[in-house]
Amino acid sequence: MLQILFSVSGAVVCAGWTIDNAGAKYMMMNKGDYGKQDMAFIITTMAGSWILIFCNFVPISLLVTLEMVKFFQGGFMDMDVDMFDD
């Protein structure tokens, strides 16, 4: 859900910025190209790009969570008196 939320919000901001700055010379695009398209179409196409950008967001967070679980489980095993062998 966070990935979708971040992707849609990024697409909305990116579409607004692109439409506002389409006439800048460094963008090398014609402002008329974006003025003719529907804002919903631009947001939809940019949301797809943002989903691809954030596709590593979930696996990285899962790896961090997995390492935290291993760390705490190791601490619990270290404190467990029943696991000690003379």
PDB file of N, CA and C in Angstrom:
ATOM      1  N   MET A   1       0.823  -1.195   0.000  1.00  0.00           N
ATOM      2  CA  MET A   1       0.000   0.000   0.000  1.00  0.00           C
ATOM      3  C   MET A   1       0.868   1.259   0.000  1.00  0.00           C
ATOM      4  N   LEU A   2       1.982   1.214   0.759  1.00  0.00           N
ATOM      5  CA  LEU A   2       2.874   2.377   0.782  1.00  0.00           C
ATOM      6  C   LEU A   2       3.495   2.631  -0.582  1.00  0.00           C
ATOM      7  N   GLN A   3       3.841   1.547  -1.268  1.00  0.00           N
ATOM      8  CA  GLN A   3       4.438   1.699  -2.588  1.00  0.00           C
ATOM      9  C   GLN A   3       3.456   2.368  -3.552  1.00  0.00           C
ATOM     10  N   ILE A   4       2.209   1.972  -3.504  1.00  0.00           N
ATOM     11  CA  ILE A   4       1.197   2.581  -4.370  1.00  0.00           C
ATOM     12  C   ILE A   4       0.977   4.036  -3.979  1.00  0.00           C
ATOM     13  N   LEU A   5       0.907   4.304  -2.672  1.00  0.00           N
ATOM     14  CA  LEU A   5       0.724   5.676  -2.197  1.00  0.00           C
ATOM     15  C   LEU A   5       1.885   6.569  -2.634  1.00  0.00           C
ATOM     16  N   PHE A   6       3.116   6.085  -2.453  1.00  0.00           N
ATOM     17  CA  PHE A   6       4.285   6.865  -2.870  1.00  0.00           C
ATOM     18  C   PHE A   6       4.319   7.053  -4.383  1.00  0.00           C
ATOM     19  N   SER A   7       3.948   6.023  -5.124  1.00  0.00           N
ATOM     20  CA  SER A   7       3.977   6.113  -6.585  1.00  0.00           C
ATOM     21  C   SER A   7       2.952   7.120  -7.109  1.00  0.00           C
ATOM     22  N   VAL A   8       1.746   7.073  -6.567  1.00  0.00           N
ATOM     23  CA  VAL A   8       0.713   8.007  -7.028  1.00  0.00           C
ATOM     24  C   VAL A   8       1.063   9.439  -6.630  1.00  0.00           C
ATOM     25  N   SER A   9       1.527   9.632  -5.391  1.00  0.00           N
ATOM     26  CA  SER A   9       1.886  11.004  -4.983  1.00  0.00           C
ATOM     27  C   SER A   9       3.079  11.513  -5.777  1.00  0.00           C
ATOM     28  N   GLY A  10       4.049  10.664  -6.047  1.00  0.00           N
ATOM     29  CA  GLY A  10       5.177  11.069  -6.885  1.00  0.00           C
ATOM     30  C   GLY A  10       4.747  11.395  -8.302  1.00  0.00           C
ATOM     31  N   ALA A  11       3.804  10.641  -8.832  1.00  0.00           N
ATOM     32  CA  ALA A  11       3.316  10.895 -10.187  1.00  0.00           C
ATOM     33  C   ALA A  11       2.564  12.213 -10.262  1.00  0.00           C
ATOM     34  N   VAL A  12       1.770  12.526  -9.239  1.00  0.00           N
ATOM     35  CA  VAL A  12       1.028  13.792  -9.239  1.00  0.00           C
ATOM     36  C   VAL A  12       1.990  14.968  -9.190  1.00  0.00           C
ATOM     37  N   VAL A  13       2.969  14.898  -8.309  1.00  0.00           N
ATOM     38  CA  VAL A  13       3.943  15.989  -8.195  1.00  0.00           C
ATOM     39  C   VAL A  13       4.771  16.105  -9.466  1.00  0.00           C
ATOM     40  N   CYS A  14       5.198  14.969 -10.004  1.00  0.00           N
ATOM     41  CA  CYS A  14       6.024  14.976 -11.219  1.00  0.00           C
ATOM     42  C   CYS A  14       5.233  15.495 -12.423  1.00  0.00           C
ATOM     43  N   ALA A  15       3.980  15.128 -12.529  1.00  0.00           N
ATOM     44  CA  ALA A  15       3.167  15.607 -13.651  1.00  0.00           C
ATOM     45  C   ALA A  15       2.960  17.116 -13.553  1.00  0.00           C
ATOM     46  N   GLY A  16       2.680  17.602 -12.360  1.00  0.00           N
ATOM     47  CA  GLY A  16       2.517  19.044 -12.191  1.00  0.00           C
ATOM     48  C   GLY A  16       3.790  19.807 -12.504  1.00  0.00           C
ATOM     49  N   TRP A  17       4.922  19.289 -12.035  1.00  0.00           N
ATOM     50  CA  TRP A  17       6.200  19.952 -12.296  1.00  0.00           C
ATOM     51  C   TRP A  17       6.536  19.916 -13.781  1.00  0.00           C
ATOM     52  N   THR A  18       6.280  18.785 -14.435  1.00  0.00           N
ATOM     53  CA  THR A  18       6.584  18.651 -15.862  1.00  0.00           C
ATOM     54  C   THR A  18       5.736  19.600 -16.691  1.00  0.00           C
ATOM     55  N   ILE A  19       4.457  19.728 -16.369  1.00  0.00           N
ATOM     56  CA  ILE A  19       3.585  20.633 -17.122  1.00  0.00           C
ATOM     57  C   ILE A  19       4.004  22.085 -16.900  1.00  0.00           C
ATOM     58  N   ASP A  20       4.357  22.433 -15.667  1.00  0.00           N
ATOM     59  CA  ASP A  20       4.775  23.808 -15.387  1.00  0.00           C
ATOM     60  C   ASP A  20       6.096  24.166 -16.047  1.00  0.00           C
ATOM     61  N   ASN A  21       6.995  23.204 -16.182  1.00  0.00           N
ATOM     62  CA  ASN A  21       8.335  23.476 -16.700  1.00  0.00           C
ATOM     63  C   ASN A  21       8.563  22.931 -18.104  1.00  0.00           C
ATOM     64  N   ALA A  22       7.499  22.600 -18.808  1.00  0.00           N
ATOM     65  CA  ALA A  22       7.652  22.021 -20.150  1.00  0.00           C
ATOM     66  C   ALA A  22       8.245  23.024 -21.126  1.00  0.00           C
ATOM     67  N   GLY A  23       8.079  24.305 -20.871  1.00  0.00           N
ATOM     68  CA  GLY A  23       8.603  25.308 -21.790  1.00  0.00           C
ATOM     69  C   GLY A  23      10.067  25.647 -21.570  1.00  0.00           C
ATOM     70  N   ALA A  24      10.684  25.113 -20.524  1.00  0.00           N
ATOM     71  CA  ALA A  24      12.093  25.401 -20.251  1.00  0.00           C
ATOM     72  C   ALA A  24      12.968  24.801 -21.341  1.00  0.00           C
ATOM     73  N   LYS A  25      14.008  25.547 -21.699  1.00  0.00           N
ATOM     74  CA  LYS A  25      14.851  25.096 -22.811  1.00  0.00           C
ATOM     75  C   LYS A  25      15.603  23.808 -22.483  1.00  0.00           C
ATOM     76  N   TYR A  26      15.975  23.628 -21.224  1.00  0.00           N
ATOM     77  CA  TYR A  26      16.727  22.426 -20.875  1.00  0.00           C
ATOM     78  C   TYR A  26      15.866  21.168 -20.888  1.00  0.00           C
ATOM     79  N   MET A  27      14.538  21.320 -20.865  1.00  0.00           N
ATOM     80  CA  MET A  27      13.650  20.154 -20.919  1.00  0.00           C
ATOM     81  C   MET A  27      13.534  19.608 -22.341  1.00  0.00           C
ATOM     82  N   MET A  28      13.760  20.447 -23.337  1.00  0.00           N
ATOM     83  CA  MET A  28      13.720  20.066 -24.744  1.00  0.00           C
ATOM     84  C   MET A  28      12.401  19.390 -25.124  1.00  0.00           C
ATOM     85  N   MET A  29      11.308  19.978 -24.676  1.00  0.00           N
ATOM     86  CA  MET A  29       9.989  19.478 -25.075  1.00  0.00           C
ATOM     87  C   MET A  29       9.106  20.670 -25.392  1.00  0.00           C
ATOM     88  N   ASN A  30       8.152  20.429 -26.183  1.00  0.00           N
ATOM     89  CA  ASN A  30       7.228  21.478 -26.575  1.00  0.00           C
ATOM     90  C   ASN A  30       6.117  21.572 -25.533  1.00  0.00           C
ATOM     91  N   LYS A  31       5.884  22.751 -25.007  1.00  0.00           N
ATOM     92  CA  LYS A  31       4.852  22.920 -23.980  1.00  0.00           C
ATOM     93  C   LYS A  31       3.475  22.538 -24.522  1.00  0.00           C
ATOM     94  N   GLY A  32       3.269  22.674 -25.799  1.00  0.00           N
ATOM     95  CA  GLY A  32       1.982  22.313 -26.391  1.00  0.00           C
ATOM     96  C   GLY A  32       1.700  20.825 -26.324  1.00  0.00           C
ATOM     97  N   ASP A  33       2.741  19.996 -26.285  1.00  0.00           N
ATOM     98  CA  ASP A  33       2.532  18.550 -26.198  1.00  0.00           C
ATOM     99  C   ASP A  33       1.835  18.165 -24.909  1.00  0.00           C
ATOM    100  N   TYR A  34       2.214  18.802 -23.808  1.00  0.00           N
ATOM    101  CA  TYR A  34       1.600  18.474 -22.532  1.00  0.00           C
ATOM    102  C   TYR A  34       0.294  19.225 -22.306  1.00  0.00           C
ATOM    103  N   GLY A  35       0.098  20.326 -22.970  1.00  0.00           N
ATOM    104  CA  GLY A  35      -1.148  21.058 -22.817  1.00  0.00           C
ATOM    105  C   GLY A  35      -2.320  20.344 -23.467  1.00  0.00           C
ATOM    106  N   LYS A  36      -2.054  19.504 -24.466  1.00  0.00           N
ATOM    107  CA  LYS A  36      -3.109  18.809 -25.183  1.00  0.00           C
ATOM    108  C   LYS A  36      -3.556  17.534 -24.472  1.00  0.00           C
ATOM    109  N   GLN A  37      -2.702  16.986 -23.611  1.00  0.00           N
ATOM    110  CA  GLN A  37      -3.033  15.724 -22.952  1.00  0.00           C
ATOM    111  C   GLN A  37      -3.821  15.969 -21.676  1.00  0.00           C
ATOM    112  N   ASP A  38      -4.591  14.982 -21.328  1.00  0.00           N
ATOM    113  CA  ASP A  38      -5.373  15.030 -20.100  1.00  0.00           C
ATOM    114  C   ASP A  38      -4.439  14.803 -18.911  1.00  0.00           C
ATOM    115  N   MET A  39      -4.674  15.529 -17.818  1.00  0.00           N
ATOM    116  CA  MET A  39      -3.836  15.414 -16.624  1.00  0.00           C
ATOM    117  C   MET A  39      -3.897  13.997 -16.049  1.00  0.00           C
ATOM    118  N   ALA A  40      -5.057  13.347 -16.124  1.00  0.00           N
ATOM    119  CA  ALA A  40      -5.193  11.983 -15.614  1.00  0.00           C
ATOM    120  C   ALA A  40      -4.327  11.008 -16.412  1.00  0.00           C
ATOM    121  N   PHE A  41      -4.219  11.218 -17.716  1.00  0.00           N
ATOM    122  CA  PHE A  41      -3.370  10.351 -18.553  1.00  0.00           C
ATOM    123  C   PHE A  41      -1.905  10.517 -18.181  1.00  0.00           C
ATOM    124  N   ILE A  42      -1.485  11.749 -17.962  1.00  0.00           N
ATOM    125  CA  ILE A  42      -0.088  12.002 -17.594  1.00  0.00           C
ATOM    126  C   ILE A  42       0.219  11.375 -16.240  1.00  0.00           C
ATOM    127  N   ILE A  43      -0.684  11.523 -15.277  1.00  0.00           N
ATOM    128  CA  ILE A  43      -0.463  10.942 -13.952  1.00  0.00           C
ATOM    129  C   ILE A  43      -0.426   9.418 -14.028  1.00  0.00           C
ATOM    130  N   THR A  44      -1.290   8.822 -14.845  1.00  0.00           N
ATOM    131  CA  THR A  44      -1.310   7.365 -14.981  1.00  0.00           C
ATOM    132  C   THR A  44      -0.011   6.845 -15.577  1.00  0.00           C
ATOM    133  N   THR A  45       0.473   7.488 -16.618  1.00  0.00           N
ATOM    134  CA  THR A  45       1.716   7.023 -17.235  1.00  0.00           C
ATOM    135  C   THR A  45       2.911   7.245 -16.311  1.00  0.00           C
ATOM    136  N   MET A  46       2.922   8.351 -15.586  1.00  0.00           N
ATOM    137  CA  MET A  46       4.032   8.590 -14.668  1.00  0.00           C
ATOM    138  C   MET A  46       3.948   7.698 -13.432  1.00  0.00           C
ATOM    139  N   ALA A  47       2.753   7.298 -13.026  1.00  0.00           N
ATOM    140  CA  ALA A  47       2.615   6.369 -11.899  1.00  0.00           C
ATOM    141  C   ALA A  47       3.263   5.031 -12.235  1.00  0.00           C
ATOM    142  N   GLY A  48       3.139   4.606 -13.472  1.00  0.00           N
ATOM    143  CA  GLY A  48       3.819   3.383 -13.895  1.00  0.00           C
ATOM    144  C   GLY A  48       5.327   3.504 -13.777  1.00  0.00           C
ATOM    145  N   SER A  49       5.856   4.656 -14.131  1.00  0.00           N
ATOM    146  CA  SER A  49       7.296   4.882 -13.996  1.00  0.00           C
ATOM    147  C   SER A  49       7.715   4.886 -12.528  1.00  0.00           C
ATOM    148  N   TRP A  50       6.906   5.512 -11.691  1.00  0.00           N
ATOM    149  CA  TRP A  50       7.241   5.566 -10.268  1.00  0.00           C
ATOM    150  C   TRP A  50       7.128   4.195  -9.614  1.00  0.00           C
ATOM    151  N   ILE A  51       6.218   3.359 -10.067  1.00  0.00           N
ATOM    152  CA  ILE A  51       6.134   1.993  -9.528  1.00  0.00           C
ATOM    153  C   ILE A  51       7.404   1.227  -9.859  1.00  0.00           C
ATOM    154  N   LEU A  52       7.916   1.411 -11.071  1.00  0.00           N
ATOM    155  CA  LEU A  52       9.173   0.757 -11.437  1.00  0.00           C
ATOM    156  C   LEU A  52      10.339   1.296 -10.609  1.00  0.00           C
ATOM    157  N   ILE A  53      10.311   2.579 -10.303  1.00  0.00           N
ATOM    158  CA  ILE A  53      11.378   3.157  -9.491  1.00  0.00           C
ATOM    159  C   ILE A  53      11.340   2.583  -8.075  1.00  0.00           C
ATOM    160  N   PHE A  54      10.145   2.429  -7.517  1.00  0.00           N
ATOM    161  CA  PHE A  54       9.998   1.955  -6.148  1.00  0.00           C
ATOM    162  C   PHE A  54       9.873   0.438  -6.033  1.00  0.00           C
ATOM    163  N   CYS A  55      10.146  -0.315  -7.086  1.00  0.00           N
ATOM    164  CA  CYS A  55       9.942  -1.766  -7.013  1.00  0.00           C
ATOM    165  C   CYS A  55      10.919  -2.433  -6.041  1.00  0.00           C
ATOM    166  N   ASN A  56      12.033  -1.801  -5.713  1.00  0.00           N
ATOM    167  CA  ASN A  56      12.962  -2.358  -4.726  1.00  0.00           C
ATOM    168  C   ASN A  56      12.625  -1.931  -3.310  1.00  0.00           C
ATOM    169  N   PHE A  57      11.644  -1.081  -3.141  1.00  0.00           N
ATOM    170  CA  PHE A  57      11.270  -0.563  -1.824  1.00  0.00           C
ATOM    171  C   PHE A  57      10.832  -1.692  -0.890  1.00  0.00           C
ATOM    172  N   VAL A  58       9.985  -2.580  -1.344  1.00  0.00           N
ATOM    173  CA  VAL A  58       9.471  -3.651  -0.494  1.00  0.00           C
ATOM    174  C   VAL A  58      10.547  -4.695  -0.205  1.00  0.00           C
ATOM    175  N   PRO A  59      11.306  -5.200  -1.179  1.00  0.00           N
ATOM    176  CA  PRO A  59      12.325  -6.199  -0.840  1.00  0.00           C
ATOM    177  C   PRO A  59      13.394  -5.674   0.115  1.00  0.00           C
ATOM    178  N   ILE A  60      13.790  -4.419  -0.011  1.00  0.00           N
ATOM    179  CA  ILE A  60      14.802  -3.880   0.888  1.00  0.00           C
ATOM    180  C   ILE A  60      14.248  -3.797   2.302  1.00  0.00           C
ATOM    181  N   SER A  61      13.009  -3.359   2.458  1.00  0.00           N
ATOM    182  CA  SER A  61      12.434  -3.275   3.796  1.00  0.00           C
ATOM    183  C   SER A  61      12.248  -4.667   4.396  1.00  0.00           C
ATOM    184  N   LEU A  62      11.945  -5.657   3.569  1.00  0.00           N
ATOM    185  CA  LEU A  62      11.829  -7.019   4.090  1.00  0.00           C
ATOM    186  C   LEU A  62      13.178  -7.552   4.543  1.00  0.00           C
ATOM    187  N   LEU A  63      14.244  -7.233   3.831  1.00  0.00           N
ATOM    188  CA  LEU A  63      15.574  -7.669   4.235  1.00  0.00           C
ATOM    189  C   LEU A  63      15.987  -7.020   5.549  1.00  0.00           C
ATOM    190  N   VAL A  64      15.673  -5.742   5.718  1.00  0.00           N
ATOM    191  CA  VAL A  64      15.988  -5.060   6.967  1.00  0.00           C
ATOM    192  C   VAL A  64      15.214  -5.687   8.116  1.00  0.00           C
ATOM    193  N   THR A  65      13.941  -5.975   7.899  1.00  0.00           N
ATOM    194  CA  THR A  65      13.127  -6.608   8.932  1.00  0.00           C
ATOM    195  C   THR A  65      13.659  -7.996   9.276  1.00  0.00           C
ATOM    196  N   LEU A  66      14.070  -8.749   8.279  1.00  0.00           N
ATOM    197  CA  LEU A  66      14.614 -10.083   8.509  1.00  0.00           C
ATOM    198  C   LEU A  66      15.886 -10.019   9.350  1.00  0.00           C
ATOM    199  N   GLU A  67      16.765  -9.071   9.057  1.00  0.00           N
ATOM    200  CA  GLU A  67      17.992  -8.933   9.836  1.00  0.00           C
ATOM    201  C   GLU A  67      17.707  -8.507  11.272  1.00  0.00           C
ATOM    202  N   MET A  68      16.704  -7.657  11.475  1.00  0.00           N
ATOM    203  CA  MET A  68      16.340  -7.261  12.831  1.00  0.00           C
ATOM    204  C   MET A  68      15.791  -8.455  13.614  1.00  0.00           C
ATOM    205  N   VAL A  69      14.975  -9.291  12.979  1.00  0.00           N
ATOM    206  CA  VAL A  69      14.433 -10.471  13.641  1.00  0.00           C
ATOM    207  C   VAL A  69      15.558 -11.428  14.016  1.00  0.00           C
ATOM    208  N   LYS A  70      16.513 -11.637  13.125  1.00  0.00           N
ATOM    209  CA  LYS A  70      17.648 -12.511  13.430  1.00  0.00           C
ATOM    210  C   LYS A  70      18.451 -11.977  14.614  1.00  0.00           C
ATOM    211  N   PHE A  71      18.660 -10.667  14.660  1.00  0.00           N
ATOM    212  CA  PHE A  71      19.414 -10.053  15.745  1.00  0.00           C
ATOM    213  C   PHE A  71      18.717 -10.261  17.088  1.00  0.00           C
ATOM    214  N   PHE A  72      17.424  -9.993  17.145  1.00  0.00           N
ATOM    215  CA  PHE A  72      16.690 -10.149  18.408  1.00  0.00           C
ATOM    216  C   PHE A  72      16.552 -11.615  18.796  1.00  0.00           C
ATOM    217  N   GLN A  73      16.367 -12.510  17.841  1.00  0.00           N
ATOM    218  CA  GLN A  73      16.300 -13.931  18.170  1.00  0.00           C
ATOM    219  C   GLN A  73      17.637 -14.421  18.724  1.00  0.00           C
ATOM    220  N   GLY A  74      18.730 -13.915  18.172  1.00  0.00           N
ATOM    221  CA  GLY A  74      20.046 -14.264  18.710  1.00  0.00           C
ATOM    222  C   GLY A  74      20.208 -13.784  20.139  1.00  0.00           C
ATOM    223  N   GLY A  75      19.695 -12.599  20.444  1.00  0.00           N
ATOM    224  CA  GLY A  75      19.742 -12.093  21.819  1.00  0.00           C
ATOM    225  C   GLY A  75      18.913 -12.943  22.758  1.00  0.00           C
ATOM    226  N   PHE A  76      17.733 -13.374  22.317  1.00  0.00           N
ATOM    227  CA  PHE A  76      16.896 -14.242  23.146  1.00  0.00           C
ATOM    228  C   PHE A  76      17.569 -15.595  23.378  1.00  0.00           C
ATOM    229  N   MET A  77      18.215 -16.138  22.355  1.00  0.00           N
ATOM    230  CA  MET A  77      18.913 -17.409  22.513  1.00  0.00           C
ATOM    231  C   MET A  77      20.105 -17.252  23.446  1.00  0.00           C
ATOM    232  N   ASP A  78      20.770 -16.126  23.427  1.00  0.00           N
ATOM    233  CA  ASP A  78      21.908 -15.876  24.297  1.00  0.00           C
ATOM    234  C   ASP A  78      21.472 -15.779  25.752  1.00  0.00           C
ATOM    235  N   MET A  79      20.287 -15.209  26.017  1.00  0.00           N
ATOM    236  CA  MET A  79      19.800 -15.057  27.390  1.00  0.00           C
ATOM    237  C   MET A  79      19.115 -16.309  27.922  1.00  0.00           C
ATOM    238  N   ASP A  80      18.830 -17.300  27.079  1.00  0.00           N
ATOM    239  CA  ASP A  80      18.093 -18.495  27.501  1.00  0.00           C
ATOM    240  C   ASP A  80      19.022 -19.435  28.270  1.00  0.00           C
ATOM    241  N   VAL A  81      18.707 -19.645  29.530  1.00  0.00           N
ATOM    242  CA  VAL A  81      19.540 -20.484  30.394  1.00  0.00           C
ATOM    243  C   VAL A  81      19.401 -21.954  30.014  1.00  0.00           C
ATOM    244  N   ASP A  82      18.249 -22.363  29.514  1.00  0.00           N
ATOM    245  CA  ASP A  82      18.016 -23.768  29.180  1.00  0.00           C
ATOM    246  C   ASP A  82      18.842 -24.216  27.979  1.00  0.00           C
ATOM    247  N   MET A  83      19.381 -23.288  27.192  1.00  0.00           N
ATOM    248  CA  MET A  83      20.187 -23.660  26.019  1.00  0.00           C
ATOM    249  C   MET A  83      21.666 -23.819  26.362  1.00  0.00           C
ATOM    250  N   PHE A  84      22.031 -23.577  27.626  1.00  0.00           N
ATOM    251  CA  PHE A  84      23.422 -23.692  28.057  1.00  0.00           C
ATOM    252  C   PHE A  84      23.762 -25.132  28.360  1.00  0.00           C
ATOM    253  N   ASP A  85      24.903 -25.597  27.872  1.00  0.00           N
ATOM    254  CA  ASP A  85      25.334 -26.964  28.110  1.00  0.00           C
ATOM    255  C   ASP A  85      26.683 -26.939  28.833  1.00  0.00           C
ATOM    256  N   ASP A  86      26.730 -27.625  29.969  1.00  0.00           N
ATOM    257  CA  ASP A  86      27.984 -27.694  30.728  1.00  0.00           C
ATOM    258  C   ASP A  86      28.984 -28.527  29.976  1.00  0.00           C
TER     259      ASP A  86
END
